Amino acid sequence: MDPALLALAVATVLGLGIAAAAALKGWRGWLELKQLELMNRPAGAPSSLSRVEIFELKERIRRLEAIANGSEQ
């Protein structure tokens, strides 16, 4: 086996390992950030469920306003 090819293969494997380790560290950091955001969220902050409820209420208001204006058929 050619020594240059062996060196290239070893360098490639090492490079992939370093890249994978960096990606894993970044992923864990992102997860930790999101966890801290969830833990430090103010008590009155809307959750995703309440956002859906707010959207539905706004849609109901738009429909009622349309009926009141006579544009709803």
PDB file of N, CA and C in Angstrom:
ATOM      1  N   MET A   1       0.847  -1.175   0.000  1.00  0.00           N
ATOM      2  CA  MET A   1       0.000   0.000   0.000  1.00  0.00           C
ATOM      3  C   MET A   1       0.895   1.242   0.000  1.00  0.00           C
ATOM      4  N   ASP A   2       0.484   2.216  -0.737  1.00  0.00           N
ATOM      5  CA  ASP A   2       1.250   3.453  -0.889  1.00  0.00           C
ATOM      6  C   ASP A   2       1.188   4.277   0.404  1.00  0.00           C
ATOM      7  N   PRO A   3       2.322   4.740   0.926  1.00  0.00           N
ATOM      8  CA  PRO A   3       2.320   5.525   2.173  1.00  0.00           C
ATOM      9  C   PRO A   3       1.547   6.838   2.050  1.00  0.00           C
ATOM     10  N   ALA A   4       1.549   7.444   0.887  1.00  0.00           N
ATOM     11  CA  ALA A   4       0.817   8.703   0.699  1.00  0.00           C
ATOM     12  C   ALA A   4      -0.688   8.455   0.797  1.00  0.00           C
ATOM     13  N   LEU A   5      -1.129   7.347   0.224  1.00  0.00           N
ATOM     14  CA  LEU A   5      -2.551   7.006   0.284  1.00  0.00           C
ATOM     15  C   LEU A   5      -2.964   6.685   1.716  1.00  0.00           C
ATOM     16  N   LEU A   6      -2.109   5.992   2.444  1.00  0.00           N
ATOM     17  CA  LEU A   6      -2.381   5.677   3.841  1.00  0.00           C
ATOM     18  C   LEU A   6      -2.458   6.963   4.673  1.00  0.00           C
ATOM     19  N   ALA A   7      -1.553   7.887   4.427  1.00  0.00           N
ATOM     20  CA  ALA A   7      -1.566   9.160   5.147  1.00  0.00           C
ATOM     21  C   ALA A   7      -2.829   9.956   4.827  1.00  0.00           C
ATOM     22  N   LEU A   8      -3.252   9.927   3.577  1.00  0.00           N
ATOM     23  CA  LEU A   8      -4.476  10.621   3.181  1.00  0.00           C
ATOM     24  C   LEU A   8      -5.691  10.004   3.863  1.00  0.00           C
ATOM     25  N   ALA A   9      -5.745   8.682   3.937  1.00  0.00           N
ATOM     26  CA  ALA A   9      -6.860   7.999   4.582  1.00  0.00           C
ATOM     27  C   ALA A   9      -6.911   8.326   6.076  1.00  0.00           C
ATOM     28  N   VAL A  10      -5.741   8.303   6.719  1.00  0.00           N
ATOM     29  CA  VAL A  10      -5.686   8.618   8.146  1.00  0.00           C
ATOM     30  C   VAL A  10      -6.107  10.057   8.382  1.00  0.00           C
ATOM     31  N   ALA A  11      -5.638  10.982   7.561  1.00  0.00           N
ATOM     32  CA  ALA A  11      -5.997  12.395   7.704  1.00  0.00           C
ATOM     33  C   ALA A  11      -7.492  12.599   7.479  1.00  0.00           C
ATOM     34  N   THR A  12      -8.062  11.864   6.534  1.00  0.00           N
ATOM     35  CA  THR A  12      -9.494  11.969   6.255  1.00  0.00           C
ATOM     36  C   THR A  12     -10.312  11.483   7.450  1.00  0.00           C
ATOM     37  N   VAL A  13      -9.926  10.346   8.000  1.00  0.00           N
ATOM     38  CA  VAL A  13     -10.646   9.809   9.157  1.00  0.00           C
ATOM     39  C   VAL A  13     -10.524  10.751  10.352  1.00  0.00           C
ATOM     40  N   LEU A  14      -9.326  11.275  10.585  1.00  0.00           N
ATOM     41  CA  LEU A  14      -9.141  12.224  11.678  1.00  0.00           C
ATOM     42  C   LEU A  14      -9.968  13.497  11.464  1.00  0.00           C
ATOM     43  N   GLY A  15      -9.978  13.983  10.244  1.00  0.00           N
ATOM     44  CA  GLY A  15     -10.760  15.180   9.932  1.00  0.00           C
ATOM     45  C   GLY A  15     -12.245  14.961  10.150  1.00  0.00           C
ATOM     46  N   LEU A  16     -12.748  13.801   9.720  1.00  0.00           N
ATOM     47  CA  LEU A  16     -14.163  13.490   9.936  1.00  0.00           C
ATOM     48  C   LEU A  16     -14.471  13.364  11.423  1.00  0.00           C
ATOM     49  N   GLY A  17     -13.560  12.770  12.171  1.00  0.00           N
ATOM     50  CA  GLY A  17     -13.759  12.645  13.612  1.00  0.00           C
ATOM     51  C   GLY A  17     -13.808  13.993  14.299  1.00  0.00           C
ATOM     52  N   ILE A  18     -12.917  14.889  13.903  1.00  0.00           N
ATOM     53  CA  ILE A  18     -12.895  16.231  14.484  1.00  0.00           C
ATOM     54  C   ILE A  18     -14.166  16.991  14.115  1.00  0.00           C
ATOM     55  N   ALA A  19     -14.587  16.872  12.869  1.00  0.00           N
ATOM     56  CA  ALA A  19     -15.809  17.552  12.435  1.00  0.00           C
ATOM     57  C   ALA A  19     -17.027  17.002  13.169  1.00  0.00           C
ATOM     58  N   ALA A  20     -17.086  15.681  13.353  1.00  0.00           N
ATOM     59  CA  ALA A  20     -18.205  15.079  14.070  1.00  0.00           C
ATOM     60  C   ALA A  20     -18.214  15.523  15.530  1.00  0.00           C
ATOM     61  N   ALA A  21     -17.042  15.585  16.153  1.00  0.00           N
ATOM     62  CA  ALA A  21     -16.967  16.028  17.549  1.00  0.00           C
ATOM     63  C   ALA A  21     -17.407  17.485  17.683  1.00  0.00           C
ATOM     64  N   ALA A  22     -16.996  18.324  16.742  1.00  0.00           N
ATOM     65  CA  ALA A  22     -17.393  19.737  16.778  1.00  0.00           C
ATOM     66  C   ALA A  22     -18.903  19.882  16.577  1.00  0.00           C
ATOM     67  N   ALA A  23     -19.455  19.096  15.653  1.00  0.00           N
ATOM     68  CA  ALA A  23     -20.901  19.151  15.416  1.00  0.00           C
ATOM     69  C   ALA A  23     -21.663  18.677  16.646  1.00  0.00           C
ATOM     70  N   LEU A  24     -21.190  17.636  17.293  1.00  0.00           N
ATOM     71  CA  LEU A  24     -21.840  17.132  18.501  1.00  0.00           C
ATOM     72  C   LEU A  24     -21.779  18.163  19.620  1.00  0.00           C
ATOM     73  N   LYS A  25     -20.647  18.827  19.775  1.00  0.00           N
ATOM     74  CA  LYS A  25     -20.507  19.861  20.806  1.00  0.00           C
ATOM     75  C   LYS A  25     -21.470  21.018  20.516  1.00  0.00           C
ATOM     76  N   GLY A  26     -21.567  21.404  19.259  1.00  0.00           N
ATOM     77  CA  GLY A  26     -22.499  22.465  18.885  1.00  0.00           C
ATOM     78  C   GLY A  26     -23.944  22.074  19.130  1.00  0.00           C
ATOM     79  N   TRP A  27     -24.303  20.844  18.815  1.00  0.00           N
ATOM     80  CA  TRP A  27     -25.664  20.346  19.027  1.00  0.00           C
ATOM     81  C   TRP A  27     -26.008  20.358  20.512  1.00  0.00           C
ATOM     82  N   ARG A  28     -25.077  19.869  21.333  1.00  0.00           N
ATOM     83  CA  ARG A  28     -25.323  19.855  22.782  1.00  0.00           C
ATOM     84  C   ARG A  28     -25.440  21.275  23.325  1.00  0.00           C
ATOM     85  N   GLY A  29     -24.629  22.170  22.822  1.00  0.00           N
ATOM     86  CA  GLY A  29     -24.724  23.569  23.244  1.00  0.00           C
ATOM     87  C   GLY A  29     -26.055  24.176  22.866  1.00  0.00           C
ATOM     88  N   TRP A  30     -26.547  23.870  21.664  1.00  0.00           N
ATOM     89  CA  TRP A  30     -27.837  24.391  21.216  1.00  0.00           C
ATOM     90  C   TRP A  30     -28.957  23.836  22.087  1.00  0.00           C
ATOM     91  N   LEU A  31     -28.891  22.537  22.399  1.00  0.00           N
ATOM     92  CA  LEU A  31     -29.908  21.945  23.265  1.00  0.00           C
ATOM     93  C   LEU A  31     -29.890  22.577  24.654  1.00  0.00           C
ATOM     94  N   GLU A  32     -28.688  22.832  25.173  1.00  0.00           N
ATOM     95  CA  GLU A  32     -28.577  23.470  26.485  1.00  0.00           C
ATOM     96  C   GLU A  32     -29.158  24.878  26.448  1.00  0.00           C
ATOM     97  N   LEU A  33     -28.902  25.608  25.372  1.00  0.00           N
ATOM     98  CA  LEU A  33     -29.453  26.947  25.215  1.00  0.00           C
ATOM     99  C   LEU A  33     -30.975  26.916  25.212  1.00  0.00           C
ATOM    100  N   LYS A  34     -31.543  25.995  24.452  1.00  0.00           N
ATOM    101  CA  LYS A  34     -33.008  25.887  24.387  1.00  0.00           C
ATOM    102  C   LYS A  34     -33.590  25.498  25.738  1.00  0.00           C
ATOM    103  N   GLN A  35     -32.907  24.626  26.460  1.00  0.00           N
ATOM    104  CA  GLN A  35     -33.370  24.229  27.781  1.00  0.00           C
ATOM    105  C   GLN A  35     -33.351  25.428  28.733  1.00  0.00           C
ATOM    106  N   LEU A  36     -32.282  26.215  28.676  1.00  0.00           N
ATOM    107  CA  LEU A  36     -32.213  27.417  29.518  1.00  0.00           C
ATOM    108  C   LEU A  36     -33.298  28.418  29.149  1.00  0.00           C
ATOM    109  N   GLU A  37     -33.586  28.562  27.861  1.00  0.00           N
ATOM    110  CA  GLU A  37     -34.641  29.465  27.428  1.00  0.00           C
ATOM    111  C   GLU A  37     -35.983  29.021  27.983  1.00  0.00           C
ATOM    112  N   LEU A  38     -36.244  27.712  27.963  1.00  0.00           N
ATOM    113  CA  LEU A  38     -37.509  27.211  28.479  1.00  0.00           C
ATOM    114  C   LEU A  38     -37.605  27.381  29.989  1.00  0.00           C
ATOM    115  N   MET A  39     -36.494  27.171  30.689  1.00  0.00           N
ATOM    116  CA  MET A  39     -36.502  27.280  32.139  1.00  0.00           C
ATOM    117  C   MET A  39     -36.604  28.733  32.594  1.00  0.00           C
ATOM    118  N   ASN A  40     -36.049  29.662  31.827  1.00  0.00           N
ATOM    119  CA  ASN A  40     -36.018  31.070  32.220  1.00  0.00           C
ATOM    120  C   ASN A  40     -37.113  31.903  31.574  1.00  0.00           C
ATOM    121  N   ARG A  41     -38.064  31.235  30.940  1.00  0.00           N
ATOM    122  CA  ARG A  41     -39.161  31.958  30.292  1.00  0.00           C
ATOM    123  C   ARG A  41     -40.038  32.605  31.363  1.00  0.00           C
ATOM    124  N   PRO A  42     -40.444  33.840  31.150  1.00  0.00           N
ATOM    125  CA  PRO A  42     -41.330  34.494  32.133  1.00  0.00           C
ATOM    126  C   PRO A  42     -42.629  33.716  32.291  1.00  0.00           C
ATOM    127  N   ALA A  43     -43.236  33.853  33.467  1.00  0.00           N
ATOM    128  CA  ALA A  43     -44.447  33.091  33.775  1.00  0.00           C
ATOM    129  C   ALA A  43     -45.593  33.428  32.824  1.00  0.00           C
ATOM    130  N   GLY A  44     -45.678  34.662  32.372  1.00  0.00           N
ATOM    131  CA  GLY A  44     -46.775  35.057  31.507  1.00  0.00           C
ATOM    132  C   GLY A  44     -46.510  34.846  30.032  1.00  0.00           C
ATOM    133  N   ALA A  45     -45.365  34.293  29.683  1.00  0.00           N
ATOM    134  CA  ALA A  45     -45.024  34.108  28.269  1.00  0.00           C
ATOM    135  C   ALA A  45     -45.924  33.038  27.663  1.00  0.00           C
ATOM    136  N   PRO A  46     -46.427  33.285  26.465  1.00  0.00           N
ATOM    137  CA  PRO A  46     -47.333  32.307  25.859  1.00  0.00           C
ATOM    138  C   PRO A  46     -46.583  31.060  25.398  1.00  0.00           C
ATOM    139  N   SER A  47     -47.199  29.919  25.606  1.00  0.00           N
ATOM    140  CA  SER A  47     -46.636  28.672  25.096  1.00  0.00           C
ATOM    141  C   SER A  47     -47.116  28.491  23.665  1.00  0.00           C
ATOM    142  N   SER A  48     -46.625  27.481  23.000  1.00  0.00           N
ATOM    143  CA  SER A  48     -47.038  27.260  21.613  1.00  0.00           C
ATOM    144  C   SER A  48     -48.517  26.903  21.545  1.00  0.00           C
ATOM    145  N   LEU A  49     -49.045  26.221  22.562  1.00  0.00           N
ATOM    146  CA  LEU A  49     -50.470  25.882  22.580  1.00  0.00           C
ATOM    147  C   LEU A  49     -51.308  27.136  22.705  1.00  0.00           C
ATOM    148  N   SER A  50     -50.918  28.054  23.580  1.00  0.00           N
ATOM    149  CA  SER A  50     -51.703  29.268  23.733  1.00  0.00           C
ATOM    150  C   SER A  50     -51.589  30.149  22.491  1.00  0.00           C
ATOM    151  N   ARG A  51     -50.471  30.051  21.768  1.00  0.00           N
ATOM    152  CA  ARG A  51     -50.352  30.806  20.512  1.00  0.00           C
ATOM    153  C   ARG A  51     -51.379  30.324  19.500  1.00  0.00           C
ATOM    154  N   VAL A  52     -51.597  29.018  19.463  1.00  0.00           N
ATOM    155  CA  VAL A  52     -52.605  28.460  18.557  1.00  0.00           C
ATOM    156  C   VAL A  52     -53.983  28.955  18.969  1.00  0.00           C
ATOM    157  N   GLU A  53     -54.250  28.960  20.272  1.00  0.00           N
ATOM    158  CA  GLU A  53     -55.540  29.443  20.757  1.00  0.00           C
ATOM    159  C   GLU A  53     -55.740  30.917  20.418  1.00  0.00           C
ATOM    160  N   ILE A  54     -54.682  31.708  20.565  1.00  0.00           N
ATOM    161  CA  ILE A  54     -54.765  33.133  20.233  1.00  0.00           C
ATOM    162  C   ILE A  54     -55.051  33.305  18.740  1.00  0.00           C
ATOM    163  N   PHE A  55     -54.377  32.507  17.900  1.00  0.00           N
ATOM    164  CA  PHE A  55     -54.620  32.586  16.456  1.00  0.00           C
ATOM    165  C   PHE A  55     -56.068  32.247  16.138  1.00  0.00           C
ATOM    166  N   GLU A  56     -56.598  31.198  16.768  1.00  0.00           N
ATOM    167  CA  GLU A  56     -57.986  30.807  16.519  1.00  0.00           C
ATOM    168  C   GLU A  56     -58.957  31.896  16.961  1.00  0.00           C
ATOM    169  N   LEU A  57     -58.680  32.532  18.091  1.00  0.00           N
ATOM    170  CA  LEU A  57     -59.540  33.623  18.552  1.00  0.00           C
ATOM    171  C   LEU A  57     -59.501  34.794  17.587  1.00  0.00           C
ATOM    172  N   LYS A  58     -58.320  35.112  17.069  1.00  0.00           N
ATOM    173  CA  LYS A  58     -58.215  36.204  16.096  1.00  0.00           C
ATOM    174  C   LYS A  58     -59.004  35.877  14.829  1.00  0.00           C
ATOM    175  N   GLU A  59     -58.964  34.620  14.410  1.00  0.00           N
ATOM    176  CA  GLU A  59     -59.734  34.218  13.232  1.00  0.00           C
ATOM    177  C   GLU A  59     -61.231  34.365  13.497  1.00  0.00           C
ATOM    178  N   ARG A  60     -61.682  33.991  14.667  1.00  0.00           N
ATOM    179  CA  ARG A  60     -63.100  34.145  15.019  1.00  0.00           C
ATOM    180  C   ARG A  60     -63.498  35.613  15.010  1.00  0.00           C
ATOM    181  N   ILE A  61     -62.638  36.463  15.544  1.00  0.00           N
ATOM    182  CA  ILE A  61     -62.929  37.899  15.566  1.00  0.00           C
ATOM    183  C   ILE A  61     -63.033  38.433  14.147  1.00  0.00           C
ATOM    184  N   ARG A  62     -62.119  38.008  13.262  1.00  0.00           N
ATOM    185  CA  ARG A  62     -62.180  38.461  11.858  1.00  0.00           C
ATOM    186  C   ARG A  62     -63.491  38.039  11.201  1.00  0.00           C
ATOM    187  N   ARG A  63     -63.907  36.796  11.467  1.00  0.00           N
ATOM    188  CA  ARG A  63     -65.172  36.319  10.883  1.00  0.00           C
ATOM    189  C   ARG A  63     -66.361  37.111  11.425  1.00  0.00           C
ATOM    190  N   LEU A  64     -66.374  37.361  12.734  1.00  0.00           N
ATOM    191  CA  LEU A  64     -67.476  38.128  13.318  1.00  0.00           C
ATOM    192  C   LEU A  64     -67.494  39.549  12.789  1.00  0.00           C
ATOM    193  N   GLU A  65     -66.328  40.165  12.620  1.00  0.00           N
ATOM    194  CA  GLU A  65     -66.271  41.506  12.055  1.00  0.00           C
ATOM    195  C   GLU A  65     -66.766  41.507  10.615  1.00  0.00           C
ATOM    196  N   ALA A  66     -66.414  40.461   9.864  1.00  0.00           N
ATOM    197  CA  ALA A  66     -66.876  40.367   8.490  1.00  0.00           C
ATOM    198  C   ALA A  66     -68.390  40.219   8.441  1.00  0.00           C
ATOM    199  N   ILE A  67     -68.952  39.446   9.344  1.00  0.00           N
ATOM    200  CA  ILE A  67     -70.414  39.295   9.403  1.00  0.00           C
ATOM    201  C   ILE A  67     -71.046  40.631   9.782  1.00  0.00           C
ATOM    202  N   ALA A  68     -70.459  41.330  10.755  1.00  0.00           N
ATOM    203  CA  ALA A  68     -71.008  42.613  11.192  1.00  0.00           C
ATOM    204  C   ALA A  68     -70.949  43.645  10.070  1.00  0.00           C
ATOM    205  N   ASN A  69     -69.922  43.584   9.240  1.00  0.00           N
ATOM    206  CA  ASN A  69     -69.801  44.535   8.127  1.00  0.00           C
ATOM    207  C   ASN A  69     -70.627  44.135   6.931  1.00  0.00           C
ATOM    208  N   GLY A  70     -71.165  42.931   6.937  1.00  0.00           N
ATOM    209  CA  GLY A  70     -72.001  42.480   5.854  1.00  0.00           C
ATOM    210  C   GLY A  70     -71.224  41.915   4.681  1.00  0.00           C
ATOM    211  N   SER A  71     -69.941  41.693   4.837  1.00  0.00           N
ATOM    212  CA  SER A  71     -69.161  41.161   3.730  1.00  0.00           C
ATOM    213  C   SER A  71     -69.147  39.628   3.728  1.00  0.00           C
ATOM    214  N   GLU A  72     -69.601  39.021   4.798  1.00  0.00           N
ATOM    215  CA  GLU A  72     -69.678  37.547   4.885  1.00  0.00           C
ATOM    216  C   GLU A  72     -71.000  37.126   4.298  1.00  0.00           C
ATOM    217  N   GLN A  73     -70.996  36.093   3.469  1.00  0.00           N
ATOM    218  CA  GLN A  73     -72.239  35.638   2.831  1.00  0.00           C
ATOM    219  C   GLN A  73     -72.736  34.390   3.458  1.00  0.00           C
TER     220      GLN A  73
END
